[in-house]
Amino acid sequence: MQPMNSPVLLVDDEKHVRLAAGQTLELEGYDVSALSRGEDALALVDDNWPGVIITDINMPGMDGLELMRKVHAKDPTLPVILITGHGDISMAVKAIREGAYDFIEKPFASELLLDVVRRALDKRHLTLENRHLKMELEAQSAPGPRVIGKSEKMQQLRRLVSAIADTSADILIMAETGCGKDLLARYIHEHSSRQEKNLVAINCGAVPEALIESELFGHEAGAFTDARSRRIGKLEHANGGTLFLDEIESMPLSLQIKLLRVLEDRQIERLGSNQVIDLDLRVIAASKAELRQLCEQGQFREDLYYRLNVLRVDIPPLRERREDIPLLFHHFSLIASAQYGREVLPLSAERMRSLMLHDWPGNVRELRNLAERYVLLGESCTFDFDNRPITGAPVGRAMTLPEQVEYFEKTLIHTELSRHAGSIKDTLDSLGLPRKTLYDKMRKYDLDKKDYK
């Protein structure tokens, strides 16, 4: 099934062909860009462009074959459909051997054009879907911290982090308490070229104001009372690596201006020293409070906010990605099981319903703590939630009864597939469903048994 408004680039130097073919495609619901030059088309595509290209072979300047070769240099899997004249058939056949998706001979019927485009787009969407799934599997199976979740919001988060992890730009992470800001900072560090160097974390709200400057900048012997020897500060210790400033909103205003200078100059001086030390570090700051509002209230420096906010990453609260709750609970249960040497008991339907209905003010940390208690206490562990009305999915309103039923049904199927490592037979037996019914529901909820092996 193709998404609505799938993009199509139509390249032909003949205006009447562009008008006729473009109108045919637009009436079918495609987002058509009709161009007369191959150079213009090439500038619009990259390796994740979700559409197809239709191009005439014979054009002035860059012809269709050259356009195809340059497009395939960006992404060899991007479908290119060639429009050929009567004398170009042998050339088109040769082009197919070189990677063209198909060719259409002029004059062509509208039905033929639509059929070829439909098949090409199906192939393109499948290619991109497989590519994204492969990236997700690699991310989920990688050692170290992981960004866990199959919800659309978490997939978007992983795509964003993958794009920015291996850059030198500073990052601002915004999230509520318990969402995993520290874990995401470690994930970014370990997926960057700085992974062999130090990741240095400091909680700006946990260090006394009188000590935080020494913690960050270090000091020389005799710089102040009790400074008996030189101390290397967090900034210097992070040289070559990453500095993670958690709860940046708690940093005193007097220190914010000094941090701003470090971010601008990438240099420090230890307390009690005049020697300038050059730094090569990346700063990841995290806040649970909206810094822009704190700026308006005079509690955070505006210039520091804009300097930190080069790249902003928002972690969604758990109530806005409820479909990830079973996966996360299962993950944390397995960790606790290995840690304490206890068996993980399957959750009853009623307990799973409680998990899905809870609003999770403590977010992932609260869920992790509950999973650990459940592994330790088993059936005697109480899920003592007040089960307030759901406010997170869909975002902005409580779920209707049909929506709650769908979430519950999807959760049960997901849980059983996880418990049985993707075995359809065992899942059928545990749920008491006919095979066709299970497959229909798995298709409805976008569940694939391969994801559970």
Protein backbone atom coordinates (compact mmCIF):
# COMPACT_ATOMS: atom_id res chain seq x y z
CA MET A 1 0.00 0.00 0.00
CA GLN A 2 1.59 3.26 -1.12
CA PRO A 3 1.45 6.40 1.03
CA MET A 4 -0.72 9.17 -0.34
CA ASN A 5 1.11 11.87 -2.29
CA SER A 6 4.09 9.64 -3.11
CA PRO A 7 6.64 11.81 -4.98
CA VAL A 8 7.34 11.32 -8.69
CA LEU A 9 9.91 13.24 -10.71
CA LEU A 10 8.92 13.52 -14.38
CA VAL A 11 11.78 14.71 -16.59
CA ASP A 12 11.18 15.43 -20.29
CA ASP A 13 12.19 18.34 -22.50
CA GLU A 14 8.89 18.11 -24.44
CA LYS A 15 6.30 20.30 -22.73
CA HIS A 16 3.25 18.39 -23.99
CA VAL A 17 4.62 15.11 -22.59
CA ARG A 18 5.19 16.72 -19.18
CA LEU A 19 1.66 18.15 -19.17
CA ALA A 20 -0.11 14.97 -20.27
CA ALA A 21 1.86 12.46 -18.15
CA GLY A 22 1.95 14.85 -15.19
CA GLN A 23 -1.82 15.27 -15.22
CA THR A 24 -2.33 11.49 -15.41
CA LEU A 25 -0.13 10.94 -12.36
CA GLU A 26 -1.62 13.82 -10.36
CA LEU A 27 -5.15 12.52 -10.92
CA GLU A 28 -3.99 9.25 -9.39
CA GLY A 29 -2.85 11.11 -6.25
CA TYR A 30 0.90 11.33 -6.83
CA ASP A 31 2.96 14.40 -5.95
CA VAL A 32 4.44 15.19 -9.36
CA SER A 33 7.35 17.51 -10.11
CA ALA A 34 7.60 18.00 -13.88
CA LEU A 35 11.04 19.20 -15.02
CA SER A 36 12.67 19.84 -18.38
CA ARG A 37 16.30 19.25 -17.32
CA GLY A 38 18.03 16.28 -15.76
CA GLU A 39 20.30 18.58 -13.73
CA ASP A 40 17.27 19.97 -11.87
CA ALA A 41 16.00 16.47 -11.03
CA LEU A 42 19.37 15.31 -9.73
CA ALA A 43 19.45 18.14 -7.20
CA LEU A 44 16.15 16.98 -5.64
CA VAL A 45 17.05 13.38 -4.70
CA ASP A 46 19.18 11.71 -2.05
CA ASP A 47 19.61 8.16 -0.75
CA ASN A 48 16.42 8.36 1.33
CA TRP A 49 14.17 10.06 -1.21
CA PRO A 50 10.92 8.05 -1.18
CA GLY A 51 9.83 8.40 -4.81
CA VAL A 52 10.65 7.32 -8.37
CA ILE A 53 12.04 9.09 -11.42
CA ILE A 54 10.55 8.99 -14.92
CA THR A 55 12.89 10.42 -17.52
CA ASP A 56 13.13 10.69 -21.28
CA ILE A 57 16.35 9.26 -22.73
CA ASN A 58 17.04 11.91 -25.39
CA MET A 59 17.29 15.38 -23.88
CA PRO A 60 19.69 18.29 -24.38
CA GLY A 61 22.36 18.64 -21.71
CA MET A 62 22.17 15.76 -19.27
CA ASP A 63 20.30 12.93 -21.01
CA GLY A 64 18.22 10.27 -19.28
CA LEU A 65 21.01 7.68 -19.14
CA GLU A 66 23.46 10.09 -17.54
CA LEU A 67 20.76 11.16 -15.07
CA MET A 68 20.16 7.51 -14.17
CA ARG A 69 23.86 6.86 -13.59
CA LYS A 70 24.25 9.91 -11.35
CA VAL A 71 21.08 9.06 -9.42
CA HIS A 72 22.33 5.52 -8.86
CA ALA A 73 25.65 6.92 -7.64
CA LYS A 74 23.59 8.43 -4.79
CA ASP A 75 21.35 5.37 -4.31
CA PRO A 76 21.61 2.32 -6.60
CA THR A 77 18.16 1.12 -5.48
CA LEU A 78 16.21 4.23 -6.54
CA PRO A 79 13.87 3.21 -9.42
CA VAL A 80 14.42 5.08 -12.69
CA ILE A 81 11.84 4.57 -15.45
CA LEU A 82 12.99 5.48 -18.98
CA ILE A 83 10.77 6.99 -21.69
CA THR A 84 11.99 5.89 -25.10
CA GLY A 85 11.34 6.76 -28.69
CA HIS A 86 10.98 4.06 -31.33
CA GLY A 87 14.66 4.08 -32.16
CA ASP A 88 15.81 3.89 -28.54
CA ILE A 89 14.60 0.36 -27.67
CA SER A 90 18.00 -1.32 -27.88
CA MET A 91 19.47 1.50 -25.80
CA ALA A 92 16.71 1.08 -23.22
CA VAL A 93 17.26 -2.68 -22.97
CA LYS A 94 20.95 -2.04 -22.36
CA ALA A 95 20.02 0.54 -19.69
CA ILE A 96 17.86 -2.02 -17.87
CA ARG A 97 20.90 -4.27 -17.68
CA GLU A 98 22.69 -1.32 -16.09
CA GLY A 99 19.99 -0.86 -13.45
CA ALA A 100 16.99 0.97 -14.97
CA TYR A 101 13.71 -0.21 -13.44
CA ASP A 102 11.71 -0.31 -16.70
CA PHE A 103 11.10 1.58 -19.92
CA ILE A 104 8.00 2.92 -21.63
CA GLU A 105 7.88 3.44 -25.40
CA LYS A 106 6.25 6.58 -26.82
CA PRO A 107 3.38 7.00 -27.34
CA PHE A 108 2.21 5.21 -24.20
CA ALA A 109 -1.20 4.60 -22.65
CA SER A 110 -2.05 6.14 -19.28
CA GLU A 111 -2.81 2.71 -17.82
CA LEU A 112 0.68 1.47 -18.72
CA LEU A 113 2.34 4.51 -17.13
CA LEU A 114 0.34 4.14 -13.92
CA ASP A 115 1.03 0.41 -13.68
CA VAL A 116 4.80 0.84 -14.05
CA VAL A 117 4.89 3.73 -11.56
CA ARG A 118 2.78 1.80 -9.06
CA ARG A 119 5.10 -1.19 -9.17
CA ALA A 120 8.21 0.99 -8.97
CA LEU A 121 6.89 2.84 -5.92
CA ASP A 122 5.98 -0.43 -4.21
CA LYS A 123 9.56 -1.56 -4.70
CA ARG A 124 10.93 1.78 -3.45
CA HIS A 125 8.81 1.77 -0.30
CA LEU A 126 9.77 -1.83 0.45
CA THR A 127 13.46 -1.00 -0.03
CA LEU A 128 13.31 1.96 2.35
CA GLU A 129 11.28 0.00 4.90
CA ASN A 130 13.83 -2.82 4.90
CA ARG A 131 16.65 -0.30 5.17
CA HIS A 132 15.04 1.35 8.20
CA LEU A 133 14.33 -2.04 9.81
CA LYS A 134 17.95 -3.08 9.31
CA MET A 135 19.14 0.15 10.95
CA GLU A 136 16.70 -0.42 13.82
CA LEU A 137 17.88 -4.01 14.32
CA GLU A 138 21.52 -2.91 14.32
CA ALA A 139 20.73 -0.20 16.86
CA GLN A 140 18.73 -2.59 19.06
CA SER A 141 21.37 -5.33 19.01
CA ALA A 142 24.40 -3.09 19.48
CA PRO A 143 26.33 -3.42 22.76
CA GLY A 144 26.07 -0.70 25.39
CA PRO A 145 23.13 1.64 25.97
CA ARG A 146 20.19 1.20 23.63
CA VAL A 147 17.27 3.36 22.60
CA ILE A 148 14.43 0.85 22.97
CA GLY A 149 11.02 1.20 21.38
CA LYS A 150 9.06 0.44 18.21
CA SER A 151 6.67 3.39 18.43
CA GLU A 152 6.81 5.99 15.68
CA LYS A 153 8.13 8.60 18.12
CA MET A 154 11.04 6.40 19.15
CA GLN A 155 11.80 5.51 15.55
CA GLN A 156 11.95 9.22 14.77
CA LEU A 157 14.21 9.74 17.77
CA ARG A 158 16.59 7.00 16.63
CA ARG A 159 16.72 8.42 13.11
CA LEU A 160 17.54 11.88 14.48
CA VAL A 161 20.21 10.58 16.85
CA SER A 162 21.77 8.43 14.10
CA ALA A 163 22.08 11.53 11.93
CA ILE A 164 23.75 13.69 14.60
CA ALA A 165 25.66 11.24 16.83
CA ASP A 166 28.92 11.33 14.89
CA THR A 167 29.16 15.11 14.59
CA SER A 168 30.96 17.63 16.77
CA ALA A 169 27.86 19.78 17.39
CA ASP A 170 26.70 20.36 20.97
CA ILE A 171 23.32 18.85 21.86
CA LEU A 172 20.50 19.85 24.20
CA ILE A 173 18.36 16.95 25.46
CA MET A 174 14.91 17.90 26.75
CA ALA A 175 12.79 15.39 28.66
CA GLU A 176 10.76 14.83 31.79
CA THR A 177 12.24 13.14 34.86
CA GLY A 178 12.88 9.43 34.33
CA CYS A 179 12.90 9.42 30.52
CA GLY A 180 16.55 8.38 30.22
CA LYS A 181 18.45 11.57 29.40
CA ASP A 182 21.70 10.12 30.78
CA LEU A 183 21.25 6.90 28.80
CA LEU A 184 20.68 8.85 25.58
CA ALA A 185 23.81 10.92 26.24
CA ARG A 186 25.84 7.71 26.65
CA TYR A 187 24.25 6.29 23.50
CA ILE A 188 25.26 9.37 21.50
CA HIS A 189 28.81 9.26 22.88
CA GLU A 190 29.26 5.56 22.14
CA HIS A 191 28.00 6.00 18.58
CA SER A 192 30.41 8.83 17.84
CA SER A 193 34.08 8.98 16.88
CA ARG A 194 34.78 10.08 20.49
CA GLN A 195 33.74 6.72 21.94
CA GLU A 196 37.34 5.76 22.88
CA LYS A 197 37.72 8.94 24.95
CA ASN A 198 36.03 9.90 28.23
CA LEU A 199 32.36 10.53 28.74
CA VAL A 200 32.33 12.78 31.77
CA ALA A 201 28.97 13.36 33.50
CA ILE A 202 28.20 16.00 36.08
CA ASN A 203 24.83 16.68 37.69
CA CYS A 204 24.62 20.45 37.95
CA GLY A 205 21.90 20.17 40.60
CA ALA A 206 23.78 17.76 42.86
CA VAL A 207 27.08 19.64 43.31
CA PRO A 208 27.13 22.45 45.91
CA GLU A 209 27.38 25.87 44.30
CA ALA A 210 30.62 26.57 46.15
CA LEU A 211 32.27 23.52 44.57
CA ILE A 212 30.83 23.37 41.06
CA GLU A 213 33.34 25.81 39.57
CA SER A 214 36.23 23.73 40.92
CA GLU A 215 34.48 20.57 39.68
CA LEU A 216 34.26 21.93 36.15
CA PHE A 217 37.48 23.89 35.78
CA GLY A 218 39.82 22.22 38.26
CA HIS A 219 42.31 24.12 40.41
CA GLU A 220 45.95 24.57 41.21
CA ALA A 221 47.46 23.89 44.62
CA GLY A 222 46.78 26.83 46.91
CA ALA A 223 44.00 28.28 44.74
CA PHE A 224 41.76 28.38 47.81
CA THR A 225 41.61 27.01 51.34
CA ASP A 226 42.12 23.22 51.43
CA ALA A 227 43.36 23.16 47.81
CA ARG A 228 46.51 21.24 48.75
CA SER A 229 47.24 19.83 45.30
CA ARG A 230 46.37 20.33 41.66
CA ARG A 231 43.00 18.93 40.59
CA ILE A 232 41.96 18.24 36.99
CA GLY A 233 38.40 19.46 36.42
CA LYS A 234 35.59 17.75 34.54
CA LEU A 235 36.04 19.92 31.45
CA GLU A 236 39.70 19.06 31.13
CA HIS A 237 39.08 15.39 31.93
CA ALA A 238 36.56 15.30 29.04
CA ASN A 239 39.14 16.66 26.58
CA GLY A 240 38.86 14.63 23.38
CA GLY A 241 35.55 13.14 24.52
CA THR A 242 32.12 14.24 25.69
CA LEU A 243 30.96 16.32 28.65
CA PHE A 244 27.42 15.58 29.85
CA LEU A 245 25.83 18.36 31.91
CA ASP A 246 22.67 16.96 33.48
CA GLU A 247 20.07 19.26 35.01
CA ILE A 248 21.73 22.24 33.32
CA GLU A 249 18.78 24.35 34.45
CA SER A 250 20.18 24.09 38.01
CA MET A 251 23.53 25.69 37.14
CA PRO A 252 24.05 28.99 39.03
CA LEU A 253 23.79 32.13 36.89
CA SER A 254 27.27 33.17 37.94
CA LEU A 255 28.71 30.01 36.43
CA GLN A 256 26.60 30.07 33.28
CA ILE A 257 28.58 32.98 31.82
CA LYS A 258 31.84 31.08 32.41
CA LEU A 259 30.43 27.99 30.74
CA LEU A 260 29.31 30.13 27.79
CA ARG A 261 32.87 31.38 27.37
CA VAL A 262 34.17 27.80 27.36
CA LEU A 263 31.64 26.80 24.70
CA GLU A 264 32.61 29.79 22.56
CA ASP A 265 36.41 29.55 22.95
CA ARG A 266 36.94 25.86 23.79
CA GLN A 267 39.53 26.96 26.33
CA ILE A 268 39.76 26.94 30.14
CA GLU A 269 41.99 28.14 32.93
CA ARG A 270 42.22 26.17 36.17
CA LEU A 271 41.35 28.14 39.30
CA GLY A 272 44.53 29.79 40.55
CA SER A 273 46.25 29.54 37.14
CA ASN A 274 46.80 31.88 34.20
CA GLN A 275 47.66 29.08 31.78
CA VAL A 276 45.14 28.63 28.97
CA ILE A 277 44.29 25.00 28.14
CA ASP A 278 42.79 24.23 24.72
CA LEU A 279 39.89 21.79 24.71
CA ASP A 280 38.46 19.46 22.11
CA LEU A 281 35.18 18.29 23.57
CA ARG A 282 31.54 17.92 22.78
CA VAL A 283 28.97 19.17 25.27
CA ILE A 284 25.65 17.39 25.77
CA ALA A 285 23.36 19.28 28.15
CA ALA A 286 20.09 17.95 29.52
CA SER A 287 17.16 19.65 31.20
CA LYS A 288 13.77 18.62 32.54
CA ALA A 289 12.60 22.26 32.52
CA GLU A 290 11.88 24.30 29.40
CA LEU A 291 14.94 26.56 29.25
CA ARG A 292 13.23 29.12 27.05
CA GLN A 293 10.70 29.79 29.79
CA LEU A 294 13.48 30.04 32.39
CA CYS A 295 15.16 32.64 30.18
CA GLU A 296 11.98 34.70 30.16
CA GLN A 297 11.86 34.43 33.96
CA GLY A 298 15.48 35.55 34.30
CA GLN A 299 16.59 32.19 35.73
CA PHE A 300 18.73 31.10 32.77
CA ARG A 301 21.00 33.08 30.48
CA GLU A 302 19.50 33.54 27.04
CA ASP A 303 22.89 33.59 25.28
CA LEU A 304 23.83 30.26 26.89
CA TYR A 305 20.48 28.77 25.92
CA TYR A 306 21.00 29.64 22.25
CA ARG A 307 24.57 28.36 22.37
CA LEU A 308 23.48 25.02 23.83
CA ASN A 309 20.46 24.71 21.54
CA VAL A 310 22.45 23.92 18.39
CA LEU A 311 20.78 20.53 18.12
CA ARG A 312 17.77 19.77 20.29
CA VAL A 313 16.59 16.24 21.03
CA ASP A 314 13.26 15.69 22.80
CA ILE A 315 12.64 12.33 24.47
CA PRO A 316 8.88 11.59 24.51
CA PRO A 317 7.38 10.68 27.89
CA LEU A 318 6.21 7.10 28.31
CA ARG A 319 2.52 8.06 28.27
CA GLU A 320 2.97 9.27 24.67
CA ARG A 321 4.41 5.94 23.48
CA ARG A 322 2.35 3.34 25.32
CA GLU A 323 2.93 0.71 22.64
CA ASP A 324 6.54 0.50 23.90
CA ILE A 325 5.51 -0.42 27.46
CA PRO A 326 5.37 -4.25 26.95
CA LEU A 327 8.74 -4.26 25.17
CA LEU A 328 10.37 -2.12 27.88
CA PHE A 329 8.84 -4.14 30.72
CA HIS A 330 10.06 -7.37 29.13
CA HIS A 331 13.54 -5.86 28.65
CA PHE A 332 13.84 -4.68 32.25
CA SER A 333 12.44 -7.98 33.55
CA LEU A 334 15.13 -9.94 31.71
CA ILE A 335 17.84 -7.72 33.16
CA ALA A 336 16.46 -8.12 36.69
CA SER A 337 16.09 -11.87 36.15
CA ALA A 338 19.77 -12.19 35.22
CA GLN A 339 20.82 -9.92 38.10
CA TYR A 340 18.89 -11.71 40.85
CA GLY A 341 18.74 -15.21 39.42
CA ARG A 342 14.93 -15.25 39.42
CA GLU A 343 12.52 -16.58 36.82
CA VAL A 344 10.35 -14.06 34.96
CA LEU A 345 6.68 -14.95 35.34
CA PRO A 346 4.38 -14.00 32.43
CA LEU A 347 2.07 -11.08 33.15
CA SER A 348 -1.64 -11.71 33.42
CA ALA A 349 -3.99 -9.83 31.12
CA GLU A 350 -5.23 -7.74 34.03
CA ARG A 351 -1.71 -6.70 35.05
CA MET A 352 -0.83 -5.82 31.47
CA ARG A 353 -3.98 -3.75 31.29
CA SER A 354 -2.84 -1.88 34.43
CA LEU A 355 0.51 -1.14 32.80
CA MET A 356 -1.16 0.21 29.69
CA LEU A 357 -3.64 2.39 31.58
CA HIS A 358 -1.17 3.93 34.02
CA ASP A 359 0.01 7.48 33.27
CA TRP A 360 3.68 6.86 34.30
CA PRO A 361 4.64 10.17 35.92
CA GLY A 362 8.05 8.62 36.66
CA ASN A 363 8.36 7.49 33.03
CA VAL A 364 10.82 4.72 32.09
CA ARG A 365 12.54 4.80 35.50
CA GLU A 366 9.21 4.06 37.20
CA LEU A 367 8.54 1.18 34.79
CA ARG A 368 12.04 -0.24 35.33
CA ASN A 369 11.60 -0.17 39.11
CA LEU A 370 8.24 -1.94 38.81
CA ALA A 371 9.73 -4.64 36.54
CA GLU A 372 12.49 -5.24 39.07
CA ARG A 373 9.99 -5.52 41.95
CA TYR A 374 7.88 -7.93 39.90
CA VAL A 375 10.86 -10.20 39.25
CA LEU A 376 11.74 -10.16 42.97
CA LEU A 377 8.22 -10.54 44.39
CA GLY A 378 6.37 -12.38 41.61
CA GLU A 379 2.60 -12.57 42.00
CA SER A 380 2.74 -10.84 45.38
CA CYS A 381 3.97 -7.66 43.70
CA THR A 382 1.11 -5.17 43.65
CA PHE A 383 0.48 -2.85 40.71
CA ASP A 384 -1.03 -0.16 42.89
CA PHE A 385 -1.79 2.44 40.26
CA ASP A 386 -4.62 4.90 40.49
CA ASN A 387 -5.10 4.36 36.72
CA ARG A 388 -6.00 7.91 35.89
CA PRO A 389 -7.57 8.49 32.46
CA ILE A 390 -5.03 8.01 29.71
CA THR A 391 -3.70 11.31 28.41
CA GLY A 392 -0.89 10.17 26.20
CA ALA A 393 -2.22 8.08 23.34
CA PRO A 394 -3.60 9.59 21.29
CA VAL A 395 -1.78 12.66 22.59
CA GLY A 396 -3.95 15.39 24.01
CA ARG A 397 -7.08 13.41 24.94
CA ALA A 398 -8.25 10.29 26.71
CA MET A 399 -8.52 7.10 24.69
CA THR A 400 -11.93 5.99 23.54
CA LEU A 401 -13.14 2.50 24.44
CA PRO A 402 -12.36 1.09 20.93
CA GLU A 403 -8.87 2.60 21.12
CA GLN A 404 -8.28 1.05 24.54
CA VAL A 405 -9.47 -2.32 23.23
CA GLU A 406 -7.08 -2.09 20.27
CA TYR A 407 -4.14 -1.12 22.49
CA PHE A 408 -4.92 -3.96 24.86
CA GLU A 409 -5.28 -6.49 22.04
CA LYS A 410 -2.05 -5.37 20.37
CA THR A 411 -0.25 -5.51 23.70
CA LEU A 412 -1.37 -9.09 24.41
CA ILE A 413 -0.29 -10.32 20.98
CA HIS A 414 3.03 -8.48 21.28
CA THR A 415 3.63 -9.97 24.74
CA GLU A 416 2.94 -13.54 23.63
CA LEU A 417 5.11 -13.20 20.52
CA SER A 418 7.92 -11.91 22.75
CA ARG A 419 7.43 -14.71 25.28
CA HIS A 420 7.52 -17.37 22.56
CA ALA A 421 10.36 -15.82 20.52
CA GLY A 422 8.13 -15.27 17.50
CA SER A 423 6.71 -18.81 17.38
CA ILE A 424 3.31 -18.59 15.68
CA LYS A 425 2.27 -22.05 16.88
CA ASP A 426 2.99 -21.30 20.56
CA THR A 427 1.37 -17.89 20.27
CA LEU A 428 -1.74 -19.45 18.73
CA ASP A 429 -1.95 -21.94 21.59
CA SER A 430 -1.52 -19.32 24.33
CA LEU A 431 -4.05 -16.90 22.83
CA GLY A 432 -6.52 -19.53 21.63
CA LEU A 433 -6.86 -17.93 18.18
CA PRO A 434 -7.23 -19.47 14.72
CA ARG A 435 -4.11 -19.01 12.57
CA LYS A 436 -5.84 -16.72 10.05
CA THR A 437 -7.23 -14.50 12.83
CA LEU A 438 -3.78 -14.12 14.39
CA TYR A 439 -2.18 -13.26 11.05
CA ASP A 440 -4.92 -10.73 10.31
CA LYS A 441 -4.41 -9.04 13.68
CA MET A 442 -0.62 -9.07 13.32
CA ARG A 443 -1.01 -7.38 9.94
CA LYS A 444 -3.43 -4.86 11.44
CA TYR A 445 -1.02 -3.92 14.24
CA ASP A 446 2.15 -4.11 12.12
CA LEU A 447 3.64 -6.99 14.12
CA ASP A 448 6.18 -9.28 12.43
CA LYS A 449 7.32 -12.58 13.94
CA LYS A 450 10.89 -11.92 12.68
CA ASP A 451 11.17 -9.02 15.14
CA TYR A 452 10.86 -11.43 18.09
CA LYS A 453 13.43 -14.07 17.18
